[in-house]
N, C-alpha and C. Protein backbone atom coordinates (compact mmCIF):
# COMPACT_ATOMS: atom_id res chain seq x y z
N MET A 1 51.79 -2.42 23.00
CA MET A 1 51.47 -1.69 23.84
C MET A 1 52.54 -0.68 24.43
N GLY A 2 53.82 -1.07 24.37
CA GLY A 2 54.99 -0.35 24.45
C GLY A 2 56.29 -1.12 24.27
N ARG A 3 57.44 -0.46 24.70
CA ARG A 3 58.64 -1.15 24.53
C ARG A 3 59.47 -0.79 25.89
N VAL A 4 60.34 -2.09 26.40
CA VAL A 4 61.03 -1.87 27.50
C VAL A 4 62.11 -0.66 27.33
N SER A 5 61.92 0.18 28.17
CA SER A 5 62.87 1.15 28.23
C SER A 5 64.17 1.32 29.06
N GLY A 6 64.11 0.23 30.13
CA GLY A 6 65.32 0.04 31.05
C GLY A 6 64.71 -0.75 32.00
N HIS A 7 65.49 -0.59 32.98
CA HIS A 7 65.26 -1.22 34.21
C HIS A 7 65.61 -0.57 35.54
N ARG A 8 64.85 -0.91 36.81
CA ARG A 8 65.02 -0.14 37.97
C ARG A 8 65.56 -1.05 38.98
N GLY A 9 66.80 -0.66 39.78
CA GLY A 9 67.32 -1.33 40.86
C GLY A 9 67.82 -2.65 40.51
N GLY A 10 68.15 -3.49 41.38
CA GLY A 10 68.65 -4.82 41.19
C GLY A 10 67.87 -6.04 41.35
N GLY A 11 66.51 -5.64 41.28
CA GLY A 11 65.63 -6.63 41.66
C GLY A 11 64.81 -7.62 40.75
N GLY A 12 65.31 -6.83 39.51
CA GLY A 12 64.59 -7.29 38.16
C GLY A 12 63.32 -6.58 37.80
N GLU A 13 62.92 -5.35 38.15
CA GLU A 13 62.15 -4.60 37.79
C GLU A 13 62.57 -4.15 36.21
N ILE A 14 61.46 -3.92 35.41
CA ILE A 14 61.71 -3.29 33.98
C ILE A 14 60.76 -2.09 34.01
N THR A 15 61.17 -1.07 33.16
CA THR A 15 60.28 0.04 33.04
C THR A 15 59.83 -0.06 31.63
N VAL A 16 58.42 0.23 31.33
CA VAL A 16 57.93 0.02 29.80
C VAL A 16 57.54 1.63 29.69
N ARG A 17 57.75 2.03 28.48
CA ARG A 17 57.24 3.37 27.96
C ARG A 17 56.08 2.95 26.91
N THR A 18 54.83 3.37 27.69
CA THR A 18 53.53 2.88 27.02
C THR A 18 53.02 3.70 25.95
N LEU A 19 52.13 3.36 25.11
CA LEU A 19 51.58 4.28 24.13
C LEU A 19 50.25 4.79 24.82
N ALA A 20 49.63 4.45 25.75
CA ALA A 20 48.64 4.80 26.48
C ALA A 20 49.22 5.12 27.86
N ALA A 21 48.43 5.89 28.71
CA ALA A 21 49.04 6.21 29.92
C ALA A 21 49.30 4.97 30.72
N ALA A 22 50.56 5.19 31.45
CA ALA A 22 50.94 3.92 32.24
C ALA A 22 49.94 3.38 33.35
N GLU A 23 49.19 4.47 33.84
CA GLU A 23 48.18 3.73 34.89
C GLU A 23 46.97 2.76 34.13
N ASN A 24 46.79 3.04 32.95
CA ASN A 24 45.69 2.32 32.13
C ASN A 24 46.13 0.44 32.24
N TRP A 25 47.51 0.31 32.59
CA TRP A 25 48.06 -1.11 32.45
C TRP A 25 48.14 -1.60 33.79
N LEU A 26 47.88 -0.99 35.04
CA LEU A 26 47.99 -1.62 36.03
C LEU A 26 47.36 -2.80 36.34
N ASP A 27 46.35 -3.13 36.05
CA ASP A 27 45.65 -4.36 36.48
C ASP A 27 45.71 -5.60 35.42
N VAL A 28 46.41 -5.29 34.41
CA VAL A 28 46.77 -6.50 33.24
C VAL A 28 47.84 -7.22 34.11
N MET A 29 47.69 -8.68 34.16
CA MET A 29 48.23 -9.82 34.88
C MET A 29 49.24 -10.51 33.90
N ARG A 30 49.35 -10.36 32.74
CA ARG A 30 50.05 -11.05 31.85
C ARG A 30 50.75 -10.30 30.50
N PHE A 31 51.89 -10.44 30.27
CA PHE A 31 52.36 -9.67 29.09
C PHE A 31 53.31 -10.76 28.20
N ARG A 32 53.36 -10.19 27.09
CA ARG A 32 54.23 -10.95 26.06
C ARG A 32 55.34 -9.92 25.77
N ILE A 33 56.66 -10.42 25.67
CA ILE A 33 57.76 -9.59 25.69
C ILE A 33 58.61 -10.17 24.57
N ASP A 34 58.63 -9.47 23.29
CA ASP A 34 59.43 -9.85 22.06
C ASP A 34 61.01 -9.41 22.06
N GLY A 35 61.77 -10.20 22.64
CA GLY A 35 63.00 -9.64 22.41
C GLY A 35 63.97 -10.32 21.61
N SER A 36 65.24 -10.02 21.62
CA SER A 36 66.22 -10.89 20.78
C SER A 36 66.05 -12.26 20.73
N SER A 37 66.00 -12.80 21.94
CA SER A 37 65.74 -14.11 22.05
C SER A 37 64.36 -14.93 21.60
N GLY A 38 63.55 -13.94 21.24
CA GLY A 38 62.24 -14.59 20.99
C GLY A 38 61.10 -14.04 21.77
N ALA A 39 60.10 -14.60 21.87
CA ALA A 39 58.75 -14.21 22.71
C ALA A 39 58.61 -14.94 23.44
N SER A 40 58.47 -14.31 25.02
CA SER A 40 58.08 -15.35 25.82
C SER A 40 56.71 -14.35 26.80
N PHE A 41 56.09 -15.28 27.36
CA PHE A 41 54.87 -14.52 28.00
C PHE A 41 55.52 -14.65 29.78
N TYR A 42 55.00 -13.50 30.33
CA TYR A 42 55.43 -13.52 31.87
C TYR A 42 54.20 -13.09 32.59
N GLU A 43 54.03 -13.53 33.76
CA GLU A 43 52.93 -13.26 34.76
C GLU A 43 53.58 -12.03 35.75
N VAL A 44 52.82 -11.05 35.78
CA VAL A 44 53.01 -10.06 36.73
C VAL A 44 52.78 -10.36 38.03
N GLU A 45 54.35 -9.94 38.86
CA GLU A 45 54.21 -9.79 40.42
C GLU A 45 53.75 -8.76 40.92
N SER A 46 53.98 -7.83 40.46
CA SER A 46 53.73 -6.45 40.74
C SER A 46 53.81 -5.09 39.64
N SER A 47 53.16 -4.09 39.83
CA SER A 47 53.08 -3.13 38.85
C SER A 47 52.80 -1.76 39.50
N ARG A 48 53.59 -0.84 39.21
CA ARG A 48 53.16 0.51 39.25
C ARG A 48 53.63 1.62 38.26
N ALA A 49 52.71 2.74 38.41
CA ALA A 49 53.14 3.74 37.40
C ALA A 49 54.23 4.54 37.89
N TYR A 50 55.35 4.70 37.18
CA TYR A 50 56.35 5.91 37.60
C TYR A 50 56.61 6.97 36.69
N ARG A 51 56.29 8.20 37.01
CA ARG A 51 56.35 9.00 35.81
C ARG A 51 55.52 8.93 34.59
N ASP A 52 55.87 8.96 33.57
CA ASP A 52 55.28 8.13 32.41
C ASP A 52 55.61 6.76 31.82
N ARG A 53 56.04 6.05 32.84
CA ARG A 53 56.41 4.71 32.52
C ARG A 53 55.50 3.59 33.56
N LEU A 54 55.50 2.49 32.98
CA LEU A 54 55.07 1.41 33.70
C LEU A 54 56.31 0.59 34.53
N VAL A 55 56.06 0.42 35.61
CA VAL A 55 57.37 -0.34 36.23
C VAL A 55 56.60 -1.88 36.74
N LEU A 56 57.50 -2.69 35.98
CA LEU A 56 57.00 -4.07 36.18
C LEU A 56 57.98 -4.96 36.73
N LYS A 57 57.31 -5.69 37.80
CA LYS A 57 58.16 -6.96 38.27
C LYS A 57 57.61 -8.24 37.79
N LEU A 58 58.14 -8.85 36.83
CA LEU A 58 57.49 -10.19 36.37
C LEU A 58 58.15 -11.62 36.78
N LYS A 59 57.43 -12.20 36.95
CA LYS A 59 57.92 -13.77 37.31
C LYS A 59 58.89 -14.39 36.39
N GLY A 60 60.17 -14.83 36.82
CA GLY A 60 61.06 -15.21 35.71
C GLY A 60 61.89 -14.47 35.73
N ILE A 61 62.07 -12.89 35.85
CA ILE A 61 62.97 -11.81 35.64
C ILE A 61 63.51 -11.61 37.17
N ALA A 62 64.76 -12.38 37.44
CA ALA A 62 65.29 -12.12 39.03
C ALA A 62 66.22 -11.01 39.22
N GLY A 63 67.10 -10.66 38.25
CA GLY A 63 67.84 -9.38 38.68
C GLY A 63 68.20 -8.30 37.68
N ALA A 64 68.94 -7.53 37.79
CA ALA A 64 69.32 -6.41 36.96
C ALA A 64 69.73 -6.74 35.46
N ASN A 65 70.53 -7.83 35.66
CA ASN A 65 71.20 -8.24 34.05
C ASN A 65 70.18 -8.81 33.44
N GLU A 66 69.30 -9.50 33.94
CA GLU A 66 67.98 -10.06 33.05
C GLU A 66 67.03 -8.93 32.63
N ALA A 67 66.95 -8.18 33.72
CA ALA A 67 65.91 -6.94 33.11
C ALA A 67 66.70 -6.09 32.11
N ALA A 68 68.06 -5.91 32.47
CA ALA A 68 68.76 -5.05 31.43
C ALA A 68 68.58 -5.47 30.22
N GLY A 69 68.64 -6.99 30.05
CA GLY A 69 68.71 -7.90 28.64
C GLY A 69 67.36 -7.66 27.71
N LEU A 70 66.22 -6.99 28.60
CA LEU A 70 65.25 -6.72 27.81
C LEU A 70 65.16 -5.43 27.15
N ARG A 71 65.89 -4.52 27.46
CA ARG A 71 65.72 -3.31 26.92
C ARG A 71 65.43 -3.07 25.30
N GLY A 72 64.45 -2.56 25.16
CA GLY A 72 64.33 -2.25 23.58
C GLY A 72 63.30 -3.26 23.25
N ALA A 73 62.95 -4.33 23.93
CA ALA A 73 62.00 -5.42 23.59
C ALA A 73 60.64 -4.96 23.65
N ARG A 74 59.76 -5.55 22.76
CA ARG A 74 58.37 -5.11 22.26
C ARG A 74 57.29 -5.65 23.38
N VAL A 75 56.65 -4.94 24.16
CA VAL A 75 55.48 -5.60 25.27
C VAL A 75 54.42 -5.58 24.56
N GLN A 76 53.73 -6.83 24.72
CA GLN A 76 52.56 -6.67 24.06
C GLN A 76 51.48 -7.39 25.05
N VAL A 77 50.04 -7.10 24.77
CA VAL A 77 49.19 -7.73 25.74
C VAL A 77 47.73 -8.29 24.80
N ALA A 78 47.29 -9.26 25.15
CA ALA A 78 46.10 -9.77 24.43
C ALA A 78 45.09 -8.49 24.25
N ARG A 79 44.47 -8.58 23.20
CA ARG A 79 43.54 -7.20 23.17
C ARG A 79 42.41 -7.71 24.25
N ALA A 80 42.15 -8.89 24.42
CA ALA A 80 40.93 -9.05 25.45
C ALA A 80 41.54 -8.61 26.83
N GLU A 81 42.66 -8.64 27.18
CA GLU A 81 43.26 -8.21 28.59
C GLU A 81 43.43 -6.91 28.36
N ALA A 82 43.57 -6.27 27.27
CA ALA A 82 43.83 -4.84 27.32
C ALA A 82 42.73 -3.91 27.94
N PRO A 83 43.20 -2.98 28.68
CA PRO A 83 42.11 -2.13 29.41
C PRO A 83 41.48 -1.21 28.50
N GLU A 84 40.24 -0.86 28.66
CA GLU A 84 39.15 -0.03 28.05
C GLU A 84 39.91 1.29 28.07
N LEU A 85 39.97 2.12 27.20
CA LEU A 85 40.47 3.41 27.06
C LEU A 85 39.42 4.23 27.15
N PRO A 86 39.77 5.79 27.64
CA PRO A 86 38.70 6.54 27.83
C PRO A 86 38.24 6.90 26.67
N GLU A 87 36.82 7.44 26.31
CA GLU A 87 36.24 8.00 25.22
C GLU A 87 37.03 8.79 24.55
N GLY A 88 37.28 8.49 23.12
CA GLY A 88 37.87 9.24 22.20
C GLY A 88 39.52 8.99 22.18
N GLU A 89 39.92 8.10 22.92
CA GLU A 89 41.13 7.36 22.79
C GLU A 89 41.16 6.12 22.09
N HIS A 90 42.31 5.29 21.39
CA HIS A 90 42.03 4.41 20.42
C HIS A 90 43.51 3.89 20.50
N TYR A 91 43.47 2.57 20.64
CA TYR A 91 44.69 1.90 20.36
C TYR A 91 45.32 1.87 18.91
N VAL A 92 46.65 1.93 18.81
CA VAL A 92 47.17 2.05 17.40
C VAL A 92 46.74 0.75 16.81
N ALA A 93 46.74 -0.25 17.06
CA ALA A 93 46.26 -1.56 16.34
C ALA A 93 45.01 -1.45 15.85
N GLU A 94 43.98 -0.45 16.54
CA GLU A 94 42.90 -0.59 15.95
C GLU A 94 42.86 0.37 14.81
N LEU A 95 43.48 1.53 14.91
CA LEU A 95 43.51 2.41 13.67
C LEU A 95 44.29 1.89 12.54
N VAL A 96 45.51 1.15 12.65
CA VAL A 96 46.25 0.75 11.52
C VAL A 96 45.19 -0.20 10.54
N GLY A 97 45.17 0.19 9.34
CA GLY A 97 44.59 -0.51 8.31
C GLY A 97 43.18 0.17 7.97
N MET A 98 42.75 1.32 9.04
CA MET A 98 41.33 1.62 8.60
C MET A 98 41.44 2.63 7.40
N GLN A 99 40.15 2.64 6.81
CA GLN A 99 40.13 3.53 5.67
C GLN A 99 40.14 4.96 5.83
N VAL A 100 40.61 5.77 5.47
CA VAL A 100 40.56 7.20 5.68
C VAL A 100 40.02 8.02 4.56
N VAL A 101 38.91 8.87 4.74
CA VAL A 101 38.13 9.52 3.69
C VAL A 101 37.97 10.88 4.19
N ASP A 102 37.70 11.75 3.19
CA ASP A 102 37.37 13.14 3.53
C ASP A 102 35.79 13.33 3.66
N HIS A 103 35.57 14.39 3.93
CA HIS A 103 33.89 14.81 4.39
C HIS A 103 32.93 14.21 3.12
N THR A 104 33.33 14.16 1.97
CA THR A 104 32.51 13.73 0.87
C THR A 104 32.47 12.24 0.61
N GLY A 105 33.28 11.54 1.31
CA GLY A 105 33.36 10.35 1.26
C GLY A 105 34.50 9.84 0.46
N ARG A 106 35.13 10.68 -0.09
CA ARG A 106 36.18 10.25 -1.05
C ARG A 106 37.43 9.53 -0.38
N GLU A 107 37.71 8.57 -0.65
CA GLU A 107 39.06 7.71 0.13
C GLU A 107 40.49 8.53 -0.29
N ILE A 108 40.83 8.87 0.89
CA ILE A 108 42.14 9.29 0.75
C ILE A 108 43.47 8.15 0.97
N GLY A 109 43.28 7.18 1.83
CA GLY A 109 43.98 6.04 2.04
C GLY A 109 43.66 5.23 3.07
N ARG A 110 44.75 4.58 3.43
CA ARG A 110 44.55 3.70 4.78
C ARG A 110 45.57 3.99 5.75
N VAL A 111 45.28 3.80 7.11
CA VAL A 111 46.31 4.13 8.23
C VAL A 111 47.12 3.12 7.90
N SER A 112 48.54 3.47 7.91
CA SER A 112 49.71 2.71 7.94
C SER A 112 50.41 2.56 9.28
N GLY A 113 50.19 3.50 9.97
CA GLY A 113 50.77 3.67 11.23
C GLY A 113 50.40 5.09 11.84
N VAL A 114 50.93 5.04 13.09
CA VAL A 114 50.82 6.41 13.95
C VAL A 114 52.18 6.79 14.63
N ILE A 115 52.54 8.01 14.48
CA ILE A 115 53.84 8.60 15.04
C ILE A 115 53.50 9.44 16.40
N GLY A 116 53.93 8.86 17.36
CA GLY A 116 53.88 9.61 18.40
C GLY A 116 54.41 11.13 18.63
N ALA A 117 53.74 11.95 18.75
CA ALA A 117 54.41 13.42 18.47
C ALA A 117 53.91 14.20 19.53
N GLY A 118 53.82 13.53 20.87
CA GLY A 118 53.73 14.76 21.94
C GLY A 118 51.93 15.16 22.24
N ASP A 119 51.74 16.17 22.01
CA ASP A 119 50.13 16.69 22.53
C ASP A 119 49.15 15.68 21.28
N ALA A 120 49.56 15.59 20.18
CA ALA A 120 48.60 15.21 19.04
C ALA A 120 49.39 14.16 18.41
N ASP A 121 49.10 13.05 18.44
CA ASP A 121 49.69 11.81 17.34
C ASP A 121 49.55 12.21 15.74
N VAL A 122 50.11 11.48 14.94
CA VAL A 122 50.05 11.76 13.47
C VAL A 122 49.96 10.37 13.06
N LEU A 123 48.73 10.59 12.17
CA LEU A 123 48.36 9.38 11.29
C LEU A 123 49.22 9.40 10.30
N ARG A 124 49.58 8.14 9.95
CA ARG A 124 50.52 7.92 8.61
C ARG A 124 49.44 7.53 7.71
N VAL A 125 49.35 8.10 6.58
CA VAL A 125 47.89 7.47 5.61
C VAL A 125 48.88 7.15 4.14
N ALA A 126 48.61 5.79 4.10
CA ALA A 126 49.43 5.51 2.77
C ALA A 126 47.97 5.45 1.69
N SER A 127 48.67 6.13 0.50
CA SER A 127 47.50 5.96 -0.52
C SER A 127 48.09 5.50 -1.79
N GLY A 128 47.14 4.98 -2.69
CA GLY A 128 47.69 4.32 -3.82
C GLY A 128 47.62 2.82 -3.99
N GLY A 129 47.81 2.30 -2.65
CA GLY A 129 47.75 0.93 -2.61
C GLY A 129 46.64 0.04 -2.50
N ASN A 130 46.31 -1.03 -2.43
CA ASN A 130 45.22 -1.83 -1.79
C ASN A 130 45.31 -3.02 -1.10
N GLU A 131 44.38 -3.61 -0.65
CA GLU A 131 44.56 -4.89 0.20
C GLU A 131 45.06 -5.76 -0.50
N GLU A 132 45.17 -5.97 -1.94
CA GLU A 132 45.58 -7.18 -2.32
C GLU A 132 47.47 -7.23 -2.41
N GLY A 133 47.81 -6.17 -1.73
CA GLY A 133 49.21 -5.81 -1.65
C GLY A 133 49.78 -5.08 -2.33
N GLU A 134 49.01 -4.20 -3.41
CA GLU A 134 49.75 -3.12 -4.20
C GLU A 134 50.44 -2.19 -3.45
N GLU A 135 51.55 -2.18 -4.15
CA GLU A 135 52.68 -0.91 -3.63
C GLU A 135 52.02 0.43 -3.34
N GLU A 136 52.07 0.88 -2.12
CA GLU A 136 51.62 2.28 -1.86
C GLU A 136 52.50 3.36 -2.82
N THR A 137 51.85 4.54 -3.04
CA THR A 137 52.48 5.51 -3.91
C THR A 137 53.09 6.41 -3.24
N GLU A 138 52.10 6.96 -2.09
CA GLU A 138 52.60 8.25 -1.31
C GLU A 138 52.00 8.00 0.30
N GLU A 139 52.59 8.94 1.17
CA GLU A 139 52.15 8.94 2.59
C GLU A 139 51.51 10.16 2.64
N ILE A 140 50.42 10.44 3.62
CA ILE A 140 50.14 11.63 3.74
C ILE A 140 50.04 11.61 5.35
N LEU A 141 50.71 12.71 6.31
CA LEU A 141 50.68 12.81 7.40
C LEU A 141 49.54 13.57 8.13
N ILE A 142 48.82 13.17 8.97
CA ILE A 142 47.48 13.85 9.29
C ILE A 142 47.64 13.93 10.78
N PRO A 143 47.64 15.08 11.50
CA PRO A 143 47.35 15.40 12.85
C PRO A 143 46.25 14.71 13.35
N LEU A 144 46.37 13.79 14.53
CA LEU A 144 45.50 12.98 15.11
C LEU A 144 44.69 14.22 16.04
N ALA A 145 43.94 14.93 15.70
CA ALA A 145 43.52 16.03 16.43
C ALA A 145 42.03 16.33 15.78
N ALA A 146 41.01 17.02 16.62
CA ALA A 146 39.74 17.02 16.53
C ALA A 146 39.47 17.98 15.14
N ARG A 147 40.50 18.96 15.04
CA ARG A 147 40.24 20.04 13.93
C ARG A 147 40.52 19.26 12.60
N TYR A 148 41.22 17.97 12.61
CA TYR A 148 41.54 17.52 11.46
C TYR A 148 40.73 16.00 11.22
N VAL A 149 40.53 15.39 12.49
CA VAL A 149 39.83 14.06 12.55
C VAL A 149 38.64 14.33 12.92
N THR A 150 37.62 14.25 12.07
CA THR A 150 36.10 14.49 12.54
C THR A 150 35.49 13.31 13.15
N ASP A 151 35.61 11.96 12.85
CA ASP A 151 35.16 10.78 13.33
C ASP A 151 35.97 9.75 12.89
N ILE A 152 35.77 8.79 14.07
CA ILE A 152 36.42 7.41 13.95
C ILE A 152 35.47 6.51 14.51
N ASP A 153 35.08 5.72 13.23
CA ASP A 153 34.21 4.66 13.41
C ASP A 153 34.93 3.33 13.49
N VAL A 154 35.23 2.71 14.72
CA VAL A 154 35.88 1.41 14.70
C VAL A 154 34.90 0.34 14.11
N THR A 155 33.67 0.32 14.21
CA THR A 155 32.82 -0.74 13.42
C THR A 155 33.11 -0.75 12.21
N GLN A 156 33.01 0.50 11.44
CA GLN A 156 33.19 0.58 10.00
C GLN A 156 34.66 0.52 9.74
N ARG A 157 35.65 0.39 10.61
CA ARG A 157 36.84 0.75 10.10
C ARG A 157 37.10 1.93 9.27
N ARG A 158 36.63 3.05 9.56
CA ARG A 158 36.55 4.04 8.81
C ARG A 158 37.09 5.39 9.72
N ILE A 159 38.11 6.37 9.14
CA ILE A 159 38.13 7.61 9.63
C ILE A 159 37.66 8.54 8.52
N GLU A 160 36.79 9.57 9.25
CA GLU A 160 36.60 10.91 8.46
C GLU A 160 37.59 11.99 8.78
N VAL A 161 37.91 12.74 7.81
CA VAL A 161 39.17 13.79 8.12
C VAL A 161 38.52 15.19 7.48
N ASN A 162 39.02 16.08 7.75
CA ASN A 162 38.80 17.40 6.95
C ASN A 162 40.23 18.03 7.07
N VAL A 163 40.88 17.85 5.91
CA VAL A 163 42.38 18.19 5.74
C VAL A 163 42.20 19.28 4.70
N PRO A 164 42.87 20.57 5.10
CA PRO A 164 42.77 21.45 3.94
C PRO A 164 43.81 21.16 3.07
N PRO A 165 43.77 21.43 1.85
CA PRO A 165 44.62 21.47 0.86
C PRO A 165 46.14 21.56 1.07
N GLU A 166 46.22 22.77 1.56
CA GLU A 166 47.40 23.25 1.86
C GLU A 166 48.23 22.39 2.96
N LEU A 167 47.84 21.94 3.89
CA LEU A 167 48.21 20.91 5.09
C LEU A 167 48.52 19.56 4.27
N ARG A 168 47.49 19.20 3.34
CA ARG A 168 47.59 17.71 2.58
C ARG A 168 48.77 17.92 1.77
N GLU A 169 49.13 18.93 1.19
CA GLU A 169 50.36 19.39 0.20
C GLU A 169 51.46 19.31 1.18
N LEU A 170 51.37 20.10 2.04
CA LEU A 170 52.81 20.20 2.99
C LEU A 170 53.24 19.10 3.44
N ASN A 171 52.27 18.09 4.09
CA ASN A 171 52.59 16.85 4.68
C ASN A 171 52.75 15.43 3.70
N ARG A 172 52.46 15.82 2.54
CA ARG A 172 52.35 14.52 1.38
C ARG A 172 54.21 14.44 1.27
N ARG A 173 54.24 13.05 1.11
CA ARG A 173 55.72 12.61 0.88
C ARG A 173 55.96 11.31 0.04
N PRO A 174 56.56 10.95 -0.63
CA PRO A 174 56.91 9.87 -1.33
C PRO A 174 57.01 8.78 -0.13
N SER A 175 56.03 7.66 -0.10
CA SER A 175 56.84 6.71 0.88
C SER A 175 57.58 5.70 0.36
N GLY A 176 58.20 5.16 1.44
CA GLY A 176 59.55 4.13 1.01
C GLY A 176 60.64 4.38 1.89
């Protein structure tokens, strides 16, 4: 759901840069933090949104030094505890692995990741591989915008796109 970007004050609060709006996470009461010393679960003492970040006071993180030591750590939440997103928004974990097809149903590839790019995130679509682990041969970058992504069907794990050939060629690059 995000990464620890720093800490605030001397009381052990951490700031988290989230993939969805910080306000969406205010009701979550338990987070998993994967840091350099391994993964730990923390109960939330308090949370608030500050600018574009989530500020958390976690039980067991007592001071600034402990909070600063978490900088860069990955912050996760169980899917069952994750907040529902507004219509048209999706968690990256939902999109990764989805089949990407054009308007005729022809497979372009599978989502291998999402790049945060300001107003419109970008789908990383790997083609040439398969689910049995065959190596991907190329990556195509497709803006996650209504102009290019015409349908996302979470149930069918399928994304339909309308990508003009010139954009496809411009964004095609060897993976690796």
